[in-house]
Amino acid sequence: MASKFADRNFQVDDRLADAAHGDVDAYYDLGMAYSVGYAGTCVDLVQAHKWFNLAAMAGVSRGQECRAEIAEEMSAREIAEAQRQARAWLALTTRAAA
């Protein structure tokens, strides 16, 4: 499935549902939405880092690049929180899939 971020009908709730089913493009799209404040989201670098981190862990190279870029604007505490949230998301979705 290709990234839907450029689609003018992009909906965060839809991409969250896709992410819950393991759609790695949704991880990236959510990172983009939170990094720029798109589709009703506020800019939230912790959330953006979380989603880019999930995309990066799934092998999405552009997720790795974006995660590195926004990490430069974040404190160590914010990065640690984003990583904690990414682990929590993985634990939740892994349990739900089992």
N, C-alpha and C. Protein backbone atom coordinates (compact mmCIF):
# COMPACT_ATOMS: atom_id res chain seq x y z
N MET A 1 0.84 -1.18 0.00
CA MET A 1 0.00 0.00 0.00
C MET A 1 0.89 1.24 0.00
N ALA A 2 0.62 2.16 -0.86
CA ALA A 2 1.43 3.36 -0.97
C ALA A 2 1.01 4.39 0.08
N SER A 3 1.92 5.30 0.34
CA SER A 3 1.65 6.36 1.31
C SER A 3 0.44 7.18 0.88
N LYS A 4 -0.41 7.49 1.83
CA LYS A 4 -1.61 8.30 1.57
C LYS A 4 -1.45 9.73 2.06
N PHE A 5 -0.26 10.09 2.55
CA PHE A 5 -0.10 11.40 3.15
C PHE A 5 -0.42 12.52 2.18
N ALA A 6 -0.07 12.38 0.92
CA ALA A 6 -0.31 13.44 -0.05
C ALA A 6 -1.78 13.52 -0.47
N ASP A 7 -2.56 12.52 -0.16
CA ASP A 7 -3.98 12.49 -0.50
C ASP A 7 -4.72 13.56 0.29
N ARG A 8 -5.46 14.40 -0.39
CA ARG A 8 -6.15 15.49 0.32
C ARG A 8 -7.25 14.97 1.24
N ASN A 9 -7.62 13.71 1.11
CA ASN A 9 -8.61 13.11 1.98
C ASN A 9 -7.98 12.36 3.15
N PHE A 10 -6.70 12.61 3.39
CA PHE A 10 -5.97 11.95 4.48
C PHE A 10 -6.71 12.15 5.80
N GLN A 11 -6.92 11.06 6.51
CA GLN A 11 -7.59 11.11 7.81
C GLN A 11 -6.72 10.39 8.83
N VAL A 12 -6.40 11.07 9.91
CA VAL A 12 -5.55 10.49 10.94
C VAL A 12 -6.18 9.22 11.51
N ASP A 13 -7.47 9.24 11.79
CA ASP A 13 -8.12 8.05 12.36
C ASP A 13 -8.00 6.84 11.44
N ASP A 14 -8.13 7.07 10.14
CA ASP A 14 -7.99 5.97 9.19
C ASP A 14 -6.57 5.41 9.21
N ARG A 15 -5.59 6.30 9.27
CA ARG A 15 -4.20 5.85 9.27
C ARG A 15 -3.85 5.17 10.59
N LEU A 16 -4.46 5.62 11.69
CA LEU A 16 -4.25 4.93 12.97
C LEU A 16 -4.78 3.50 12.90
N ALA A 17 -5.93 3.34 12.28
CA ALA A 17 -6.50 1.99 12.12
C ALA A 17 -5.59 1.14 11.24
N ASP A 18 -5.07 1.73 10.17
CA ASP A 18 -4.14 1.00 9.30
C ASP A 18 -2.87 0.64 10.05
N ALA A 19 -2.38 1.57 10.86
CA ALA A 19 -1.16 1.31 11.65
C ALA A 19 -1.39 0.18 12.63
N ALA A 20 -2.58 0.11 13.20
CA ALA A 20 -2.90 -0.96 14.16
C ALA A 20 -2.86 -2.33 13.49
N HIS A 21 -3.02 -2.33 12.18
CA HIS A 21 -2.96 -3.59 11.42
C HIS A 21 -1.56 -3.80 10.82
N GLY A 22 -0.60 -2.99 11.23
CA GLY A 22 0.79 -3.19 10.80
C GLY A 22 1.17 -2.54 9.49
N ASP A 23 0.37 -1.60 9.00
CA ASP A 23 0.67 -0.91 7.74
C ASP A 23 1.84 0.06 7.96
N VAL A 24 3.01 -0.29 7.44
CA VAL A 24 4.20 0.53 7.69
C VAL A 24 4.12 1.89 7.01
N ASP A 25 3.40 1.98 5.91
CA ASP A 25 3.20 3.29 5.28
C ASP A 25 2.38 4.20 6.19
N ALA A 26 1.45 3.62 6.93
CA ALA A 26 0.65 4.41 7.88
C ALA A 26 1.55 4.97 8.98
N TYR A 27 2.53 4.19 9.43
CA TYR A 27 3.47 4.70 10.43
C TYR A 27 4.14 5.97 9.91
N TYR A 28 4.64 5.88 8.69
CA TYR A 28 5.32 7.03 8.09
C TYR A 28 4.36 8.21 7.93
N ASP A 29 3.17 7.94 7.42
CA ASP A 29 2.18 9.01 7.21
C ASP A 29 1.84 9.72 8.52
N LEU A 30 1.69 8.96 9.58
CA LEU A 30 1.39 9.57 10.88
C LEU A 30 2.57 10.39 11.38
N GLY A 31 3.77 9.92 11.15
CA GLY A 31 4.95 10.72 11.50
C GLY A 31 4.96 12.04 10.76
N MET A 32 4.63 12.00 9.49
CA MET A 32 4.58 13.25 8.70
C MET A 32 3.48 14.17 9.23
N ALA A 33 2.31 13.62 9.50
CA ALA A 33 1.20 14.44 9.98
C ALA A 33 1.57 15.16 11.27
N TYR A 34 2.18 14.45 12.21
CA TYR A 34 2.54 15.07 13.49
C TYR A 34 3.77 15.97 13.37
N SER A 35 4.61 15.75 12.40
CA SER A 35 5.80 16.59 12.28
C SER A 35 5.49 17.95 11.67
N VAL A 36 4.41 18.03 10.89
CA VAL A 36 4.07 19.30 10.24
C VAL A 36 2.71 19.85 10.66
N GLY A 37 1.97 19.10 11.48
CA GLY A 37 0.65 19.58 11.90
C GLY A 37 -0.37 19.51 10.78
N TYR A 38 -0.55 18.33 10.21
CA TYR A 38 -1.42 18.14 9.06
C TYR A 38 -2.70 17.41 9.47
N ALA A 39 -3.77 17.66 8.77
CA ALA A 39 -5.04 16.95 8.92
C ALA A 39 -5.59 17.02 10.34
N GLY A 40 -5.57 18.20 10.91
CA GLY A 40 -6.16 18.39 12.23
C GLY A 40 -5.25 18.06 13.39
N THR A 41 -4.02 17.68 13.11
CA THR A 41 -3.08 17.41 14.20
C THR A 41 -2.28 18.66 14.50
N CYS A 42 -1.82 18.77 15.71
CA CYS A 42 -0.88 19.82 16.08
C CYS A 42 0.51 19.25 15.89
N VAL A 43 1.48 20.11 15.67
CA VAL A 43 2.86 19.64 15.60
C VAL A 43 3.20 19.04 16.96
N ASP A 44 3.62 17.80 16.94
CA ASP A 44 3.98 17.07 18.16
C ASP A 44 5.18 16.19 17.81
N LEU A 45 6.37 16.68 18.16
CA LEU A 45 7.58 15.97 17.77
C LEU A 45 7.74 14.63 18.46
N VAL A 46 7.20 14.49 19.67
CA VAL A 46 7.26 13.19 20.35
C VAL A 46 6.45 12.17 19.55
N GLN A 47 5.22 12.54 19.16
CA GLN A 47 4.40 11.64 18.35
C GLN A 47 5.03 11.38 16.99
N ALA A 48 5.56 12.43 16.37
CA ALA A 48 6.21 12.26 15.06
C ALA A 48 7.38 11.29 15.17
N HIS A 49 8.23 11.47 16.19
CA HIS A 49 9.38 10.59 16.37
C HIS A 49 8.91 9.16 16.59
N LYS A 50 7.87 8.99 17.40
CA LYS A 50 7.33 7.65 17.65
C LYS A 50 6.96 6.96 16.35
N TRP A 51 6.19 7.63 15.51
CA TRP A 51 5.73 7.02 14.27
C TRP A 51 6.87 6.81 13.28
N PHE A 52 7.78 7.78 13.19
CA PHE A 52 8.94 7.59 12.31
C PHE A 52 9.81 6.44 12.83
N ASN A 53 9.93 6.30 14.13
CA ASN A 53 10.70 5.22 14.71
C ASN A 53 10.07 3.87 14.35
N LEU A 54 8.75 3.77 14.46
CA LEU A 54 8.07 2.53 14.09
C LEU A 54 8.28 2.22 12.61
N ALA A 55 8.20 3.24 11.77
CA ALA A 55 8.45 3.05 10.34
C ALA A 55 9.89 2.60 10.10
N ALA A 56 10.82 3.24 10.79
CA ALA A 56 12.24 2.89 10.63
C ALA A 56 12.50 1.45 11.06
N MET A 57 11.90 1.04 12.18
CA MET A 57 12.08 -0.33 12.65
C MET A 57 11.49 -1.35 11.68
N ALA A 58 10.51 -0.91 10.89
CA ALA A 58 9.90 -1.78 9.89
C ALA A 58 10.66 -1.74 8.56
N GLY A 59 11.77 -0.99 8.53
CA GLY A 59 12.60 -0.96 7.33
C GLY A 59 12.33 0.16 6.36
N VAL A 60 11.53 1.14 6.75
CA VAL A 60 11.23 2.27 5.87
C VAL A 60 12.36 3.30 5.99
N SER A 61 13.18 3.40 4.94
CA SER A 61 14.37 4.26 5.02
C SER A 61 14.00 5.73 5.20
N ARG A 62 12.93 6.18 4.59
CA ARG A 62 12.54 7.59 4.75
C ARG A 62 12.09 7.85 6.20
N GLY A 63 11.61 6.82 6.89
CA GLY A 63 11.28 6.94 8.31
C GLY A 63 12.54 7.16 9.13
N GLN A 64 13.60 6.46 8.78
CA GLN A 64 14.89 6.62 9.46
C GLN A 64 15.40 8.04 9.27
N GLU A 65 15.30 8.54 8.06
CA GLU A 65 15.79 9.89 7.75
C GLU A 65 15.00 10.96 8.51
N CYS A 66 13.68 10.84 8.49
CA CYS A 66 12.84 11.83 9.17
C CYS A 66 13.02 11.77 10.68
N ARG A 67 13.15 10.57 11.22
CA ARG A 67 13.39 10.41 12.66
C ARG A 67 14.67 11.12 13.06
N ALA A 68 15.72 10.97 12.27
CA ALA A 68 16.99 11.63 12.57
C ALA A 68 16.87 13.15 12.49
N GLU A 69 16.13 13.63 11.51
CA GLU A 69 15.95 15.08 11.35
C GLU A 69 15.23 15.70 12.54
N ILE A 70 14.13 15.10 12.95
CA ILE A 70 13.39 15.73 14.05
C ILE A 70 14.07 15.51 15.39
N ALA A 71 14.86 14.45 15.51
CA ALA A 71 15.58 14.21 16.76
C ALA A 71 16.53 15.37 17.07
N GLU A 72 17.01 16.03 16.04
CA GLU A 72 17.90 17.19 16.24
C GLU A 72 17.20 18.34 16.94
N GLU A 73 15.87 18.37 16.87
CA GLU A 73 15.08 19.45 17.48
C GLU A 73 14.50 19.05 18.84
N MET A 74 14.82 17.83 19.30
CA MET A 74 14.21 17.31 20.52
C MET A 74 15.24 17.16 21.64
N SER A 75 14.73 17.20 22.86
CA SER A 75 15.60 16.94 24.01
C SER A 75 15.74 15.43 24.19
N ALA A 76 16.72 15.02 24.96
CA ALA A 76 16.92 13.60 25.25
C ALA A 76 15.68 13.03 25.94
N ARG A 77 15.06 13.80 26.80
CA ARG A 77 13.85 13.35 27.50
C ARG A 77 12.70 13.12 26.52
N GLU A 78 12.55 14.01 25.55
CA GLU A 78 11.49 13.85 24.55
C GLU A 78 11.73 12.61 23.69
N ILE A 79 12.97 12.39 23.31
CA ILE A 79 13.30 11.20 22.51
C ILE A 79 13.02 9.94 23.31
N ALA A 80 13.41 9.93 24.56
CA ALA A 80 13.16 8.76 25.42
C ALA A 80 11.66 8.50 25.53
N GLU A 81 10.86 9.55 25.66
CA GLU A 81 9.41 9.38 25.74
C GLU A 81 8.86 8.82 24.43
N ALA A 82 9.34 9.33 23.30
CA ALA A 82 8.90 8.83 22.01
C ALA A 82 9.25 7.35 21.85
N GLN A 83 10.42 6.96 22.30
CA GLN A 83 10.83 5.55 22.22
C GLN A 83 9.96 4.68 23.14
N ARG A 84 9.64 5.19 24.32
CA ARG A 84 8.76 4.46 25.23
C ARG A 84 7.39 4.25 24.60
N GLN A 85 6.87 5.30 23.97
CA GLN A 85 5.56 5.19 23.33
C GLN A 85 5.58 4.22 22.16
N ALA A 86 6.67 4.19 21.42
CA ALA A 86 6.80 3.25 20.30
C ALA A 86 6.80 1.81 20.81
N ARG A 87 7.54 1.56 21.90
CA ARG A 87 7.56 0.22 22.49
C ARG A 87 6.17 -0.17 22.99
N ALA A 88 5.47 0.79 23.60
CA ALA A 88 4.12 0.51 24.10
C ALA A 88 3.17 0.20 22.95
N TRP A 89 3.29 0.92 21.85
CA TRP A 89 2.46 0.66 20.68
C TRP A 89 2.71 -0.75 20.15
N LEU A 90 3.97 -1.11 20.03
CA LEU A 90 4.32 -2.45 19.56
C LEU A 90 3.77 -3.53 20.48
N ALA A 91 3.90 -3.32 21.77
CA ALA A 91 3.40 -4.30 22.74
C ALA A 91 1.88 -4.44 22.62
N LEU A 92 1.20 -3.33 22.47
CA LEU A 92 -0.26 -3.34 22.36
C LEU A 92 -0.72 -4.02 21.09
N THR A 93 -0.12 -3.66 19.97
CA THR A 93 -0.56 -4.22 18.70
C THR A 93 -0.13 -5.66 18.52
N THR A 94 0.99 -6.04 19.13
CA THR A 94 1.44 -7.43 19.06
C THR A 94 0.49 -8.32 19.86
N ARG A 95 0.08 -7.85 21.03
CA ARG A 95 -0.88 -8.59 21.85
C ARG A 95 -2.22 -8.72 21.14
N ALA A 96 -2.66 -7.64 20.51
CA ALA A 96 -3.95 -7.65 19.82
C ALA A 96 -3.94 -8.61 18.63
N ALA A 97 -2.79 -8.75 17.99
CA ALA A 97 -2.69 -9.62 16.82
C ALA A 97 -2.62 -11.09 17.20
N ALA A 98 -2.21 -11.36 18.43
CA ALA A 98 -2.03 -12.77 18.87
C ALA A 98 -3.34 -13.44 19.20
